[in-house]
Amino acid sequence: MEGTLFESLVVNSMSLLTTVEKEDEDTMVVNETHNFAQAESSVEPKFKLSLNGKEVICDELLDLMQYPRFRKVKVLELDDNEFGDAGVEILAQSESTAKVTSLSLAKNKLSDQAIKLITESPYLTRLDTLYLQHNRIGPEGMKLLAQAENLKGLQTLYLRGNALGFEGFKALSESPWLNELATLFIQETGLDEPALEVLLNAPWVGSLKMISLTGNRLKDSIVHVFESAGSLKNLEVIDLSGNAVSNDAVAALKSLPNLPKLRTVLKDQLYRK
């Protein structure tokens, strides 16, 4: 990759995750140089690499895996590149990804095969954040994800725009490994009330702090689904935007005894019924 335009793109798309205190212009330059040097010598990863919408292809991913500084990347963003499952195979089989904790793969035309590759990877074992929105993942992908021990550290999971349906959510609810999941985005996933009921009775649901249910055509009757759910002792935020949910339903949700920490319910302001 040395000397290529892609290398230049990678260098310019990489940033430090640490916050640098800037006193003046000279100090800024010194601190930036010092902190980059520290980050490169650190055992723990310190960099964020954002290559969203850069038309990254598989050959370039292969080159990226050989780039020395990539081994220090903690947050990897590869949204909207459309490299498909073949690109995920490169990531999953490369030792260079072993320190990545946050992986974003939205809009890459990924199928259930991509989930299989991620869950079987011997290197992608430190993920706490996984963005998979707007792909082609279905129930089979959820079955694989739900049973993946190497994803037991997940705290944030973004699944928007994938056709998961009842079977997908049933599989997810049966996971023995999602006990640290705090934030779940499942907008526009074909989630209906039966699927929501199954999901909210998952053994790991008590760890959730935020759940987004946007655009699933849900109605006021979801109050009864939440009421009959398992322990939602840590849930603080529910996003119901894009659903036909009234202000009365929002008030009812906030009064449920099994949601003691609920403080915010988001909904469309135009829907007041």
Protein backbone atom coordinates (compact mmCIF):
# COMPACT_ATOMS: atom_id res chain seq x y z
CA MET A 1 0.00 0.00 0.00
CA GLU A 2 3.01 2.25 0.46
CA GLY A 3 2.97 5.31 -1.76
CA THR A 4 -0.52 4.66 -3.14
CA LEU A 5 -3.48 7.00 -3.23
CA PHE A 6 -5.28 4.56 -0.94
CA GLU A 7 -2.52 4.89 1.66
CA SER A 8 -2.98 8.65 1.57
CA LEU A 9 -6.71 8.18 2.06
CA VAL A 10 -6.14 5.89 5.04
CA VAL A 11 -3.67 8.27 6.67
CA ASN A 12 -6.05 11.20 6.28
CA SER A 13 -8.98 9.13 7.58
CA MET A 14 -7.28 8.03 10.77
CA SER A 15 -7.58 9.96 14.01
CA LEU A 16 -6.64 9.57 17.64
CA LEU A 17 -9.36 8.60 20.09
CA THR A 18 -7.65 10.48 22.92
CA THR A 19 -8.54 14.12 23.57
CA VAL A 20 -5.65 16.54 23.20
CA GLU A 21 -5.70 19.69 25.27
CA LYS A 22 -4.70 22.60 23.01
CA GLU A 23 -3.24 25.74 24.58
CA ASP A 24 -1.91 27.45 21.46
CA GLU A 25 -0.94 26.62 17.90
CA ASP A 26 2.64 25.56 18.75
CA THR A 27 1.47 23.41 21.66
CA MET A 28 -1.15 21.84 19.40
CA VAL A 29 1.50 20.68 16.93
CA VAL A 30 3.77 19.35 19.68
CA ASN A 31 0.92 17.55 21.45
CA GLU A 32 -0.42 16.02 18.24
CA THR A 33 3.00 14.66 17.28
CA HIS A 34 3.64 13.43 20.81
CA ASN A 35 0.26 11.74 21.12
CA PHE A 36 0.51 10.00 17.73
CA ALA A 37 3.94 8.69 18.73
CA GLN A 38 2.54 7.46 22.05
CA ALA A 39 -0.43 5.82 20.34
CA GLU A 40 1.76 3.93 17.89
CA SER A 41 3.95 2.56 20.69
CA SER A 42 1.03 1.70 22.96
CA VAL A 43 0.00 -1.92 23.51
CA GLU A 44 -3.68 -0.95 23.46
CA PRO A 45 -5.35 0.42 20.28
CA LYS A 46 -5.71 4.19 20.12
CA PHE A 47 -6.93 5.03 16.60
CA LYS A 48 -10.24 5.47 14.81
CA LEU A 49 -10.32 4.76 11.08
CA SER A 50 -13.33 6.08 9.16
CA LEU A 51 -13.62 5.03 5.51
CA ASN A 52 -17.35 5.50 5.06
CA GLY A 53 -18.48 5.90 1.46
CA LYS A 54 -14.94 5.75 0.05
CA GLU A 55 -15.65 2.99 -2.50
CA VAL A 56 -13.27 0.65 -0.70
CA ILE A 57 -12.88 -2.63 -2.60
CA CYS A 58 -11.58 -6.03 -1.47
CA ASP A 59 -8.09 -5.54 -2.88
CA GLU A 60 -7.77 -2.36 -0.83
CA LEU A 61 -8.99 -4.16 2.29
CA LEU A 62 -6.25 -6.72 1.75
CA ASP A 63 -3.72 -3.89 1.52
CA LEU A 64 -5.18 -2.28 4.64
CA MET A 65 -4.63 -5.45 6.66
CA GLN A 66 -0.89 -5.11 5.94
CA TYR A 67 -0.67 -1.46 7.00
CA PRO A 68 1.34 -1.37 10.28
CA ARG A 69 -0.73 1.35 11.99
CA PHE A 70 -3.95 -0.57 11.33
CA ARG A 71 -3.04 -2.92 14.17
CA LYS A 72 -3.60 0.02 16.51
CA VAL A 73 -7.16 0.71 15.27
CA LYS A 74 -9.88 0.42 17.91
CA VAL A 75 -12.84 1.92 16.00
CA LEU A 76 -13.28 0.84 12.38
CA GLU A 77 -15.97 2.45 10.20
CA LEU A 78 -16.53 1.00 6.71
CA ASP A 79 -20.12 2.01 5.95
CA ASP A 80 -21.47 2.35 2.42
CA ASN A 81 -18.70 0.64 0.47
CA GLU A 82 -20.66 -2.32 -0.91
CA PHE A 83 -17.74 -4.77 -0.75
CA GLY A 84 -20.19 -7.47 0.31
CA ASP A 85 -19.52 -10.68 2.20
CA ALA A 86 -16.12 -11.04 0.50
CA GLY A 87 -14.91 -7.91 2.29
CA VAL A 88 -16.12 -9.22 5.65
CA GLU A 89 -14.23 -12.46 5.01
CA ILE A 90 -11.01 -10.46 4.67
CA LEU A 91 -11.66 -8.65 7.96
CA ALA A 92 -12.69 -11.81 9.80
CA GLN A 93 -9.64 -13.80 8.73
CA SER A 94 -7.02 -11.14 9.41
CA GLU A 95 -5.08 -11.04 12.66
CA SER A 96 -4.78 -7.28 12.13
CA THR A 97 -8.40 -6.80 13.29
CA ALA A 98 -7.78 -8.44 16.66
CA LYS A 99 -7.86 -5.16 18.61
CA VAL A 100 -10.95 -3.66 16.95
CA THR A 101 -13.73 -3.11 19.50
CA SER A 102 -16.17 -1.09 17.38
CA LEU A 103 -17.02 -2.24 13.85
CA SER A 104 -19.42 -0.46 11.49
CA LEU A 105 -20.47 -2.22 8.27
CA ALA A 106 -23.70 -0.48 7.27
CA LYS A 107 -24.84 -0.47 3.63
CA ASN A 108 -22.42 -3.07 2.33
CA LYS A 109 -24.90 -5.55 0.82
CA LEU A 110 -24.10 -8.08 3.51
CA SER A 111 -26.00 -11.34 3.83
CA ASP A 112 -26.30 -13.95 6.59
CA GLN A 113 -22.95 -15.28 5.37
CA ALA A 114 -21.27 -12.13 6.68
CA ILE A 115 -22.65 -12.84 10.15
CA LYS A 116 -21.30 -16.38 9.93
CA LEU A 117 -17.87 -15.01 9.07
CA ILE A 118 -17.92 -12.54 11.96
CA THR A 119 -19.13 -15.07 14.51
CA GLU A 120 -16.55 -17.67 13.47
CA SER A 121 -13.65 -15.22 13.37
CA PRO A 122 -10.80 -16.06 15.76
CA TYR A 123 -9.81 -12.38 15.76
CA LEU A 124 -13.03 -10.35 16.09
CA THR A 125 -13.43 -11.32 19.72
CA ARG A 126 -13.24 -7.90 21.42
CA LEU A 127 -16.24 -6.26 19.78
CA ASP A 128 -18.46 -4.20 22.07
CA THR A 129 -20.14 -2.24 19.25
CA LEU A 130 -21.46 -3.67 15.97
CA TYR A 131 -23.30 -1.66 13.31
CA LEU A 132 -25.03 -3.75 10.62
CA GLN A 133 -27.85 -1.47 9.50
CA HIS A 134 -29.29 -1.45 5.98
CA ASN A 135 -27.93 -4.77 4.79
CA ARG A 136 -29.59 -8.03 3.68
CA ILE A 137 -29.41 -9.91 6.96
CA GLY A 138 -32.33 -12.13 7.94
CA PRO A 139 -33.42 -14.68 10.57
CA GLU A 140 -30.55 -17.07 9.82
CA GLY A 141 -28.07 -14.30 10.50
CA MET A 142 -29.72 -13.63 13.85
CA LYS A 143 -29.49 -17.29 14.80
CA LEU A 144 -25.76 -17.19 14.16
CA LEU A 145 -25.26 -13.90 15.99
CA ALA A 146 -27.32 -15.01 18.98
CA GLN A 147 -25.22 -18.12 19.55
CA ALA A 148 -21.82 -16.47 19.04
CA GLU A 149 -19.70 -16.68 22.16
CA ASN A 150 -17.10 -14.37 20.60
CA LEU A 151 -19.71 -11.56 20.63
CA LYS A 152 -20.53 -11.91 24.33
CA GLY A 153 -19.02 -8.48 25.01
CA LEU A 154 -21.49 -6.62 22.76
CA GLN A 155 -22.91 -3.48 24.36
CA THR A 156 -24.34 -1.80 21.24
CA LEU A 157 -26.05 -3.60 18.33
CA TYR A 158 -27.50 -1.71 15.34
CA LEU A 159 -29.74 -3.77 13.03
CA ARG A 160 -31.92 -1.15 11.34
CA GLY A 161 -33.31 -1.91 7.91
CA ASN A 162 -32.72 -5.67 7.95
CA ALA A 163 -35.74 -7.96 7.43
CA LEU A 164 -35.48 -9.95 10.66
CA GLY A 165 -39.14 -10.80 11.28
CA PHE A 166 -40.49 -12.94 14.10
CA GLU A 167 -38.01 -15.79 13.62
CA GLY A 168 -35.07 -13.40 13.75
CA PHE A 169 -36.19 -11.84 17.01
CA LYS A 170 -37.03 -15.22 18.49
CA ALA A 171 -33.49 -16.36 17.74
CA LEU A 172 -32.04 -13.18 19.22
CA SER A 173 -34.14 -13.58 22.38
CA GLU A 174 -32.69 -17.04 22.97
CA SER A 175 -29.09 -15.87 23.04
CA PRO A 176 -27.10 -16.95 26.10
CA TRP A 177 -24.36 -14.41 25.33
CA LEU A 178 -25.96 -10.94 25.20
CA ASN A 179 -25.89 -10.17 28.90
CA GLU A 180 -23.91 -6.94 28.42
CA LEU A 181 -26.11 -5.51 25.66
CA ALA A 182 -27.17 -1.99 26.67
CA THR A 183 -28.24 -0.35 23.39
CA LEU A 184 -30.34 -2.05 20.70
CA PHE A 185 -31.42 -0.41 17.44
CA ILE A 186 -34.07 -2.44 15.60
CA GLN A 187 -35.83 0.17 13.47
CA GLU A 188 -37.63 -0.93 10.29
CA THR A 189 -36.94 -4.62 10.85
CA GLY A 190 -40.44 -6.07 10.52
CA LEU A 191 -40.91 -6.09 14.27
CA ASP A 192 -44.56 -6.66 15.21
CA GLU A 193 -46.12 -7.10 18.65
CA PRO A 194 -45.59 -10.89 18.87
CA ALA A 195 -41.92 -10.42 17.98
CA LEU A 196 -41.58 -7.59 20.50
CA GLU A 197 -43.16 -9.75 23.19
CA VAL A 198 -40.68 -12.54 22.57
CA LEU A 199 -37.77 -10.09 22.56
CA LEU A 200 -38.77 -8.34 25.78
CA ASN A 201 -38.87 -11.65 27.61
CA ALA A 202 -35.31 -12.56 26.67
CA PRO A 203 -33.13 -13.55 29.65
CA TRP A 204 -30.68 -10.74 28.85
CA VAL A 205 -33.25 -7.93 28.44
CA GLY A 206 -32.55 -6.57 31.92
CA SER A 207 -29.24 -5.14 30.72
CA LEU A 208 -30.88 -2.86 28.12
CA LYS A 209 -30.68 0.88 28.73
CA MET A 210 -31.96 2.06 25.34
CA ILE A 211 -34.07 0.44 22.62
CA SER A 212 -35.08 1.99 19.31
CA LEU A 213 -38.25 0.64 17.68
CA THR A 214 -38.65 3.31 15.01
CA GLY A 215 -40.71 2.59 11.90
CA ASN A 216 -42.22 -0.77 12.85
CA ARG A 217 -45.91 0.26 12.63
CA LEU A 218 -46.48 -0.34 16.31
CA LYS A 219 -49.60 0.94 18.09
CA ASP A 220 -50.74 1.81 21.60
CA SER A 221 -51.26 -1.83 22.44
CA ILE A 222 -47.50 -2.21 22.89
CA VAL A 223 -48.06 -0.83 26.40
CA HIS A 224 -49.45 -4.25 27.33
CA VAL A 225 -46.42 -5.93 25.73
CA PHE A 226 -44.05 -3.89 27.89
CA GLU A 227 -46.24 -4.46 30.93
CA SER A 228 -46.01 -8.25 30.54
CA ALA A 229 -42.30 -8.17 29.77
CA GLY A 230 -39.52 -9.49 31.91
CA SER A 231 -37.39 -7.28 34.10
CA LEU A 232 -36.58 -4.03 32.31
CA LYS A 233 -34.94 -2.60 35.40
CA ASN A 234 -32.27 -0.63 33.52
CA LEU A 235 -34.26 0.65 30.54
CA GLU A 236 -34.00 4.46 30.36
CA VAL A 237 -34.94 5.34 26.75
CA ILE A 238 -37.48 3.96 24.28
CA ASP A 239 -37.60 5.43 20.76
CA LEU A 240 -41.04 4.97 19.21
CA SER A 241 -40.70 7.49 16.39
CA GLY A 242 -42.42 6.47 13.18
CA ASN A 243 -45.09 4.44 14.97
CA ALA A 244 -48.77 5.18 15.66
CA VAL A 245 -48.29 5.67 19.39
CA SER A 246 -50.27 8.28 21.31
CA ASN A 247 -49.35 10.56 24.19
CA ASP A 248 -51.58 8.46 26.46
CA ALA A 249 -49.56 5.38 25.60
CA VAL A 250 -46.32 7.22 26.36
CA ALA A 251 -47.69 8.25 29.76
CA ALA A 252 -48.76 4.67 30.43
CA LEU A 253 -45.30 3.34 29.59
CA LYS A 254 -43.68 5.80 31.99
CA SER A 255 -45.93 4.59 34.80
CA LEU A 256 -45.18 0.87 34.45
CA PRO A 257 -43.60 -0.59 37.61
CA ASN A 258 -41.29 -2.90 35.66
CA LEU A 259 -39.65 0.14 33.99
CA PRO A 260 -38.40 1.97 37.09
CA LYS A 261 -35.63 3.90 35.31
CA LEU A 262 -37.54 4.90 32.18
CA ARG A 263 -37.11 8.66 31.70
CA THR A 264 -37.47 9.25 27.94
CA VAL A 265 -39.96 7.97 25.36
CA LEU A 266 -39.41 9.49 21.93
CA LYS A 267 -42.30 9.72 19.46
CA ASP A 268 -43.50 11.77 16.52
CA GLN A 269 -44.85 15.08 17.75
CA LEU A 270 -47.45 15.17 14.96
CA TYR A 271 -49.11 12.03 16.29
CA ARG A 272 -51.01 13.18 19.38
CA LYS A 273 -54.09 10.99 19.41
